[in-house]
Amino acid sequence: MDSLKLLFIVLPGLFLALGLALVGLSLAASFRRKRSMARWQEASATVTGNLHGMDVPAGNGRNRFAPSYEFEDGSGKRRLGQSDIYSQDQAIIGTRVPVVYNPANPAESTLPVFVVAKGRLATGLILVVFGTLAITMFASLSW
């Protein structure tokens, strides 16, 4: 009977550990991206178009858009850029958007947003909640 009790604690503990790992991986990639762009320069860009793409099949095949833009680097040279961040909405051509660019390579630029892998984060949070509730429930039972 003790092995059965242990199973009801260990199995939810595995869900909890897996959930924490998924949340950690999701946030680590985001912070790594932010840290790699910490020394990049800010600029104001004008939207010149939108790159159209589709979600992967798991994302229901929805349309996604990433703005193309034009900005001036620190030396006043005109640069063209393409965001690597897709969103559901198209940017309006002619509007101004903030961008960040690598001063060592101004051709490398993007929108200054904090990106999180939402699917991985959501799955991880669900597993954390499930694991925590199950451990709490089974540990509080007095067998």
N, C-alpha and C. Protein backbone atom coordinates (compact mmCIF):
# COMPACT_ATOMS: atom_id res chain seq x y z
N MET A 1 0.82 -1.20 0.00
CA MET A 1 0.00 0.00 0.00
C MET A 1 0.85 1.26 0.00
N ASP A 2 2.05 1.21 0.60
CA ASP A 2 2.92 2.38 0.63
C ASP A 2 3.40 2.76 -0.76
N SER A 3 3.60 1.75 -1.63
CA SER A 3 4.03 2.06 -2.99
C SER A 3 2.92 2.77 -3.76
N LEU A 4 1.68 2.47 -3.45
CA LEU A 4 0.56 3.16 -4.10
C LEU A 4 0.51 4.61 -3.66
N LYS A 5 0.74 4.86 -2.38
CA LYS A 5 0.79 6.24 -1.89
C LYS A 5 1.91 7.01 -2.57
N LEU A 6 3.06 6.36 -2.68
CA LEU A 6 4.21 6.99 -3.32
C LEU A 6 3.91 7.32 -4.78
N LEU A 7 3.21 6.43 -5.46
CA LEU A 7 2.85 6.66 -6.86
C LEU A 7 1.97 7.90 -7.00
N PHE A 8 1.03 8.08 -6.07
CA PHE A 8 0.14 9.24 -6.14
C PHE A 8 0.83 10.56 -5.81
N ILE A 9 2.02 10.50 -5.26
CA ILE A 9 2.80 11.71 -5.00
C ILE A 9 3.83 11.92 -6.11
N VAL A 10 4.49 10.85 -6.53
CA VAL A 10 5.57 10.95 -7.52
C VAL A 10 5.03 11.31 -8.90
N LEU A 11 3.96 10.69 -9.33
CA LEU A 11 3.42 10.95 -10.66
C LEU A 11 3.01 12.42 -10.85
N PRO A 12 2.25 13.00 -9.94
CA PRO A 12 1.98 14.44 -10.07
C PRO A 12 3.25 15.29 -9.95
N GLY A 13 4.22 14.79 -9.18
CA GLY A 13 5.50 15.49 -9.07
C GLY A 13 6.22 15.54 -10.41
N LEU A 14 6.11 14.50 -11.20
CA LEU A 14 6.69 14.50 -12.54
C LEU A 14 6.01 15.53 -13.44
N PHE A 15 4.69 15.63 -13.34
CA PHE A 15 3.96 16.66 -14.09
C PHE A 15 4.43 18.06 -13.68
N LEU A 16 4.60 18.24 -12.38
CA LEU A 16 5.06 19.53 -11.86
C LEU A 16 6.47 19.85 -12.40
N ALA A 17 7.35 18.87 -12.35
CA ALA A 17 8.73 19.09 -12.83
C ALA A 17 8.75 19.37 -14.33
N LEU A 18 7.98 18.63 -15.10
CA LEU A 18 7.91 18.85 -16.55
C LEU A 18 7.35 20.24 -16.85
N GLY A 19 6.32 20.63 -16.12
CA GLY A 19 5.73 21.96 -16.31
C GLY A 19 6.72 23.06 -15.99
N LEU A 20 7.45 22.92 -14.90
CA LEU A 20 8.46 23.92 -14.56
C LEU A 20 9.57 23.99 -15.61
N ALA A 21 9.94 22.83 -16.15
CA ALA A 21 10.97 22.82 -17.20
C ALA A 21 10.46 23.54 -18.45
N LEU A 22 9.22 23.31 -18.85
CA LEU A 22 8.67 23.98 -20.03
C LEU A 22 8.58 25.48 -19.83
N VAL A 23 8.12 25.90 -18.66
CA VAL A 23 8.05 27.34 -18.36
C VAL A 23 9.45 27.94 -18.39
N GLY A 24 10.40 27.26 -17.79
CA GLY A 24 11.77 27.74 -17.76
C GLY A 24 12.38 27.86 -19.15
N LEU A 25 12.15 26.86 -20.00
CA LEU A 25 12.67 26.91 -21.36
C LEU A 25 12.06 28.05 -22.16
N SER A 26 10.78 28.26 -21.98
CA SER A 26 10.09 29.33 -22.69
C SER A 26 10.64 30.70 -22.28
N LEU A 27 10.77 30.91 -20.99
CA LEU A 27 11.25 32.20 -20.51
C LEU A 27 12.75 32.39 -20.76
N ALA A 28 13.52 31.32 -20.70
CA ALA A 28 14.97 31.42 -20.93
C ALA A 28 15.25 31.90 -22.35
N ALA A 29 14.53 31.38 -23.33
CA ALA A 29 14.73 31.82 -24.72
C ALA A 29 14.39 33.30 -24.86
N SER A 30 13.37 33.74 -24.17
CA SER A 30 12.98 35.14 -24.24
C SER A 30 14.02 36.05 -23.61
N PHE A 31 14.52 35.68 -22.46
CA PHE A 31 15.53 36.50 -21.80
C PHE A 31 16.86 36.46 -22.55
N ARG A 32 17.18 35.33 -23.17
CA ARG A 32 18.39 35.24 -23.98
C ARG A 32 18.31 36.20 -25.16
N ARG A 33 17.14 36.27 -25.81
CA ARG A 33 16.94 37.20 -26.93
C ARG A 33 17.08 38.64 -26.45
N LYS A 34 16.47 38.94 -25.32
CA LYS A 34 16.53 40.31 -24.79
C LYS A 34 17.97 40.69 -24.43
N ARG A 35 18.70 39.76 -23.83
CA ARG A 35 20.08 40.04 -23.44
C ARG A 35 20.97 40.22 -24.67
N SER A 36 20.72 39.45 -25.74
CA SER A 36 21.55 39.58 -26.94
C SER A 36 21.33 40.92 -27.64
N MET A 37 20.17 41.55 -27.41
CA MET A 37 19.88 42.84 -28.03
C MET A 37 20.04 44.01 -27.06
N ALA A 38 20.66 43.79 -25.92
CA ALA A 38 20.76 44.82 -24.89
C ALA A 38 21.55 46.05 -25.36
N ARG A 39 22.56 45.87 -26.19
CA ARG A 39 23.40 46.98 -26.63
C ARG A 39 22.97 47.53 -27.99
N TRP A 40 21.86 47.07 -28.49
CA TRP A 40 21.39 47.56 -29.78
C TRP A 40 20.86 48.98 -29.64
N GLN A 41 20.91 49.74 -30.71
CA GLN A 41 20.46 51.12 -30.74
C GLN A 41 18.98 51.18 -31.12
N GLU A 42 18.30 52.18 -30.59
CA GLU A 42 16.89 52.38 -30.94
C GLU A 42 16.79 53.37 -32.09
N ALA A 43 15.77 53.20 -32.90
CA ALA A 43 15.51 54.12 -34.00
C ALA A 43 14.01 54.12 -34.26
N SER A 44 13.58 55.10 -34.99
CA SER A 44 12.19 55.18 -35.41
C SER A 44 12.14 54.82 -36.89
N ALA A 45 11.24 53.94 -37.25
CA ALA A 45 11.17 53.46 -38.63
C ALA A 45 9.79 53.74 -39.21
N THR A 46 9.74 53.78 -40.54
CA THR A 46 8.48 53.94 -41.26
C THR A 46 8.13 52.60 -41.89
N VAL A 47 6.91 52.13 -41.65
CA VAL A 47 6.46 50.86 -42.22
C VAL A 47 6.31 51.02 -43.73
N THR A 48 6.92 50.09 -44.48
CA THR A 48 6.85 50.13 -45.95
C THR A 48 6.04 48.98 -46.53
N GLY A 49 5.71 47.99 -45.72
CA GLY A 49 4.94 46.86 -46.21
C GLY A 49 4.80 45.81 -45.12
N ASN A 50 4.19 44.69 -45.48
CA ASN A 50 3.99 43.59 -44.55
C ASN A 50 4.30 42.27 -45.24
N LEU A 51 5.10 41.44 -44.57
CA LEU A 51 5.36 40.10 -45.06
C LEU A 51 4.23 39.22 -44.55
N HIS A 52 3.62 38.48 -45.45
CA HIS A 52 2.47 37.64 -45.09
C HIS A 52 2.94 36.21 -44.89
N GLY A 53 2.46 35.58 -43.83
CA GLY A 53 2.77 34.18 -43.57
C GLY A 53 1.57 33.49 -42.94
N MET A 54 1.72 32.20 -42.74
CA MET A 54 0.65 31.41 -42.13
C MET A 54 1.19 30.73 -40.88
N ASP A 55 0.32 30.56 -39.89
CA ASP A 55 0.68 29.77 -38.72
C ASP A 55 0.97 28.35 -39.15
N VAL A 56 1.70 27.66 -38.33
CA VAL A 56 1.90 26.24 -38.56
C VAL A 56 0.56 25.53 -38.40
N PRO A 57 0.41 24.31 -38.92
CA PRO A 57 -0.88 23.63 -38.81
C PRO A 57 -1.44 23.56 -37.40
N ALA A 58 -0.57 23.46 -36.39
CA ALA A 58 -1.05 23.43 -35.01
C ALA A 58 -1.66 24.76 -34.59
N GLY A 59 -1.36 25.84 -35.32
CA GLY A 59 -1.89 27.15 -35.00
C GLY A 59 -3.14 27.49 -35.78
N ASN A 60 -3.82 26.51 -36.33
CA ASN A 60 -5.08 26.68 -37.06
C ASN A 60 -4.93 27.39 -38.40
N GLY A 61 -3.73 27.54 -38.91
CA GLY A 61 -3.52 28.12 -40.23
C GLY A 61 -3.94 29.57 -40.35
N ARG A 62 -3.82 30.33 -39.30
CA ARG A 62 -4.20 31.75 -39.34
C ARG A 62 -3.14 32.58 -40.05
N ASN A 63 -3.57 33.71 -40.58
CA ASN A 63 -2.65 34.64 -41.23
C ASN A 63 -1.81 35.36 -40.18
N ARG A 64 -0.55 35.59 -40.52
CA ARG A 64 0.37 36.34 -39.66
C ARG A 64 1.09 37.35 -40.54
N PHE A 65 1.47 38.46 -39.94
CA PHE A 65 2.12 39.53 -40.69
C PHE A 65 3.33 40.05 -39.92
N ALA A 66 4.39 40.35 -40.66
CA ALA A 66 5.59 40.96 -40.09
C ALA A 66 5.90 42.19 -40.91
N PRO A 67 6.04 43.36 -40.27
CA PRO A 67 6.24 44.58 -41.04
C PRO A 67 7.65 44.69 -41.64
N SER A 68 7.69 45.25 -42.84
CA SER A 68 8.94 45.70 -43.45
C SER A 68 9.02 47.19 -43.15
N TYR A 69 10.23 47.70 -42.96
CA TYR A 69 10.34 49.11 -42.57
C TYR A 69 11.64 49.71 -43.08
N GLU A 70 11.69 51.02 -42.95
CA GLU A 70 12.86 51.80 -43.37
C GLU A 70 13.24 52.70 -42.20
N PHE A 71 14.54 52.76 -41.88
CA PHE A 71 15.00 53.61 -40.78
C PHE A 71 16.39 54.15 -41.09
N GLU A 72 16.81 55.13 -40.31
CA GLU A 72 18.15 55.68 -40.43
C GLU A 72 18.98 55.21 -39.25
N ASP A 73 20.20 54.70 -39.53
CA ASP A 73 21.06 54.27 -38.44
C ASP A 73 21.76 55.48 -37.81
N GLY A 74 22.63 55.25 -36.86
CA GLY A 74 23.29 56.33 -36.13
C GLY A 74 24.13 57.25 -37.00
N SER A 75 24.61 56.75 -38.15
CA SER A 75 25.42 57.58 -39.05
C SER A 75 24.56 58.30 -40.09
N GLY A 76 23.25 58.12 -40.01
CA GLY A 76 22.35 58.79 -40.94
C GLY A 76 22.11 58.03 -42.24
N LYS A 77 22.62 56.82 -42.33
CA LYS A 77 22.44 56.02 -43.53
C LYS A 77 21.08 55.33 -43.50
N ARG A 78 20.38 55.36 -44.62
CA ARG A 78 19.05 54.75 -44.72
C ARG A 78 19.19 53.23 -44.79
N ARG A 79 18.43 52.54 -44.00
CA ARG A 79 18.46 51.08 -43.93
C ARG A 79 17.06 50.52 -44.11
N LEU A 80 16.99 49.35 -44.70
CA LEU A 80 15.73 48.62 -44.82
C LEU A 80 15.77 47.45 -43.86
N GLY A 81 14.64 47.13 -43.28
CA GLY A 81 14.58 46.02 -42.33
C GLY A 81 13.30 45.24 -42.44
N GLN A 82 13.34 44.05 -41.89
CA GLN A 82 12.17 43.17 -41.86
C GLN A 82 12.09 42.59 -40.46
N SER A 83 10.96 42.76 -39.81
CA SER A 83 10.81 42.23 -38.46
C SER A 83 10.78 40.71 -38.50
N ASP A 84 11.32 40.11 -37.47
CA ASP A 84 11.23 38.66 -37.33
C ASP A 84 10.07 38.28 -36.40
N ILE A 85 9.29 39.27 -36.00
CA ILE A 85 8.15 39.07 -35.11
C ILE A 85 6.87 39.17 -35.93
N TYR A 86 6.11 38.09 -35.97
CA TYR A 86 4.84 38.07 -36.69
C TYR A 86 3.70 38.36 -35.71
N SER A 87 2.66 39.02 -36.19
CA SER A 87 1.48 39.27 -35.36
C SER A 87 0.24 39.04 -36.22
N GLN A 88 -0.92 39.09 -35.58
CA GLN A 88 -2.17 38.86 -36.29
C GLN A 88 -2.59 40.06 -37.13
N ASP A 89 -2.09 41.23 -36.78
CA ASP A 89 -2.52 42.45 -37.46
C ASP A 89 -1.44 42.97 -38.39
N GLN A 90 -1.88 43.51 -39.51
CA GLN A 90 -0.96 44.15 -40.43
C GLN A 90 -0.61 45.54 -39.89
N ALA A 91 0.66 45.91 -40.04
CA ALA A 91 1.06 47.28 -39.69
C ALA A 91 0.60 48.19 -40.83
N ILE A 92 0.15 49.37 -40.49
CA ILE A 92 -0.34 50.31 -41.50
C ILE A 92 0.85 50.98 -42.17
N ILE A 93 0.88 50.88 -43.49
CA ILE A 93 1.99 51.44 -44.26
C ILE A 93 2.04 52.95 -44.05
N GLY A 94 3.25 53.46 -43.78
CA GLY A 94 3.45 54.88 -43.54
C GLY A 94 3.49 55.27 -42.08
N THR A 95 3.07 54.37 -41.20
CA THR A 95 3.11 54.70 -39.76
C THR A 95 4.54 54.52 -39.24
N ARG A 96 4.81 55.18 -38.12
CA ARG A 96 6.12 55.09 -37.49
C ARG A 96 6.08 54.00 -36.42
N VAL A 97 7.11 53.18 -36.37
CA VAL A 97 7.24 52.13 -35.37
C VAL A 97 8.65 52.17 -34.78
N PRO A 98 8.80 51.82 -33.52
CA PRO A 98 10.15 51.77 -32.94
C PRO A 98 10.84 50.48 -33.39
N VAL A 99 12.12 50.57 -33.67
CA VAL A 99 12.93 49.40 -34.00
C VAL A 99 14.24 49.48 -33.21
N VAL A 100 14.90 48.36 -33.09
CA VAL A 100 16.25 48.32 -32.55
C VAL A 100 17.13 47.66 -33.60
N TYR A 101 18.38 48.15 -33.70
CA TYR A 101 19.30 47.58 -34.69
C TYR A 101 20.67 47.38 -34.05
N ASN A 102 21.40 46.46 -34.60
CA ASN A 102 22.73 46.14 -34.12
C ASN A 102 23.70 47.17 -34.68
N PRO A 103 24.35 47.98 -33.84
CA PRO A 103 25.25 49.02 -34.36
C PRO A 103 26.46 48.42 -35.10
N ALA A 104 26.86 47.20 -34.75
CA ALA A 104 27.96 46.55 -35.45
C ALA A 104 27.54 46.04 -36.82
N ASN A 105 26.25 45.78 -37.00
CA ASN A 105 25.70 45.32 -38.27
C ASN A 105 24.30 45.89 -38.42
N PRO A 106 24.16 47.14 -38.88
CA PRO A 106 22.84 47.79 -38.93
C PRO A 106 21.81 47.08 -39.82
N ALA A 107 22.25 46.15 -40.64
CA ALA A 107 21.29 45.39 -41.44
C ALA A 107 20.49 44.43 -40.55
N GLU A 108 20.96 44.20 -39.35
CA GLU A 108 20.29 43.33 -38.40
C GLU A 108 19.41 44.20 -37.49
N SER A 109 18.10 44.10 -37.67
CA SER A 109 17.17 44.93 -36.90
C SER A 109 15.87 44.18 -36.67
N THR A 110 15.11 44.65 -35.71
CA THR A 110 13.81 44.04 -35.41
C THR A 110 12.99 45.00 -34.55
N LEU A 111 11.76 44.61 -34.28
CA LEU A 111 10.91 45.36 -33.36
C LEU A 111 11.34 45.05 -31.93
N PRO A 112 11.33 46.03 -31.04
CA PRO A 112 11.78 45.80 -29.66
C PRO A 112 10.67 45.23 -28.77
N VAL A 113 10.32 43.98 -28.99
CA VAL A 113 9.26 43.36 -28.19
C VAL A 113 9.83 42.17 -27.43
N PHE A 114 9.19 41.86 -26.32
CA PHE A 114 9.56 40.70 -25.51
C PHE A 114 8.71 39.54 -26.00
N VAL A 115 9.34 38.53 -26.56
CA VAL A 115 8.63 37.41 -27.18
C VAL A 115 8.69 36.20 -26.27
N VAL A 116 7.54 35.56 -26.09
CA VAL A 116 7.47 34.34 -25.28
C VAL A 116 6.78 33.27 -26.12
N ALA A 117 7.32 32.05 -26.06
CA ALA A 117 6.70 30.92 -26.74
C ALA A 117 5.41 30.58 -26.00
N LYS A 118 4.30 31.12 -26.47
CA LYS A 118 3.04 31.03 -25.72
C LYS A 118 2.54 29.61 -25.55
N GLY A 119 2.66 28.77 -26.58
CA GLY A 119 2.19 27.40 -26.48
C GLY A 119 2.95 26.62 -25.43
N ARG A 120 4.27 26.74 -25.45
CA ARG A 120 5.10 26.04 -24.47
C ARG A 120 4.85 26.58 -23.06
N LEU A 121 4.71 27.90 -22.95
CA LEU A 121 4.46 28.50 -21.65
C LEU A 121 3.10 28.06 -21.10
N ALA A 122 2.08 28.07 -21.94
CA ALA A 122 0.74 27.68 -21.49
C ALA A 122 0.71 26.20 -21.08
N THR A 123 1.33 25.35 -21.86
CA THR A 123 1.38 23.93 -21.51
C THR A 123 2.11 23.73 -20.19
N GLY A 124 3.22 24.43 -20.03
CA GLY A 124 3.97 24.33 -18.78
C GLY A 124 3.17 24.79 -17.59
N LEU A 125 2.45 25.90 -17.73
CA LEU A 125 1.64 26.41 -16.61
C LEU A 125 0.51 25.45 -16.26
N ILE A 126 -0.10 24.85 -17.26
CA ILE A 126 -1.16 23.87 -17.00
C ILE A 126 -0.61 22.68 -16.24
N LEU A 127 0.56 22.19 -16.66
CA LEU A 127 1.17 21.06 -15.96
C LEU A 127 1.57 21.43 -14.53
N VAL A 128 2.07 22.64 -14.33
CA VAL A 128 2.43 23.08 -12.98
C VAL A 128 1.20 23.13 -12.08
N VAL A 129 0.12 23.70 -12.58
CA VAL A 129 -1.11 23.80 -11.78
C VAL A 129 -1.65 22.40 -11.47
N PHE A 130 -1.70 21.55 -12.50
CA PHE A 130 -2.20 20.18 -12.30
C PHE A 130 -1.34 19.42 -11.28
N GLY A 131 -0.03 19.48 -11.46
CA GLY A 131 0.87 18.78 -10.55
C GLY A 131 0.76 19.29 -9.13
N THR A 132 0.69 20.60 -8.96
CA THR A 132 0.59 21.19 -7.62
C THR A 132 -0.72 20.80 -6.94
N LEU A 133 -1.82 20.89 -7.69
CA LEU A 133 -3.11 20.53 -7.10
C LEU A 133 -3.18 19.05 -6.76
N ALA A 134 -2.65 18.21 -7.63
CA ALA A 134 -2.69 16.76 -7.37
C ALA A 134 -1.82 16.40 -6.17
N ILE A 135 -0.64 16.97 -6.09
CA ILE A 135 0.23 16.69 -4.93
C ILE A 135 -0.44 17.15 -3.65
N THR A 136 -1.01 18.34 -3.68
CA THR A 136 -1.69 18.88 -2.50
C THR A 136 -2.87 17.99 -2.09
N MET A 137 -3.65 17.58 -3.08
CA MET A 137 -4.82 16.74 -2.79
C MET A 137 -4.41 15.38 -2.23
N PHE A 138 -3.46 14.72 -2.91
CA PHE A 138 -3.07 13.38 -2.46
C PHE A 138 -2.27 13.41 -1.15
N ALA A 139 -1.47 14.46 -0.95
CA ALA A 139 -0.68 14.54 0.28
C ALA A 139 -1.57 14.84 1.48
N SER A 140 -2.69 15.50 1.26
CA SER A 140 -3.57 15.84 2.39
C SER A 140 -4.48 14.69 2.78
N LEU A 141 -4.59 13.68 1.92
CA LEU A 141 -5.41 12.52 2.28
C LEU A 141 -4.71 11.74 3.37
N SER A 142 -5.45 11.35 4.35
CA SER A 142 -4.86 10.52 5.41
C SER A 142 -5.28 9.08 5.19
N TRP A 143 -4.40 8.36 4.56
CA TRP A 143 -4.71 6.94 4.27
C TRP A 143 -4.45 6.08 5.45
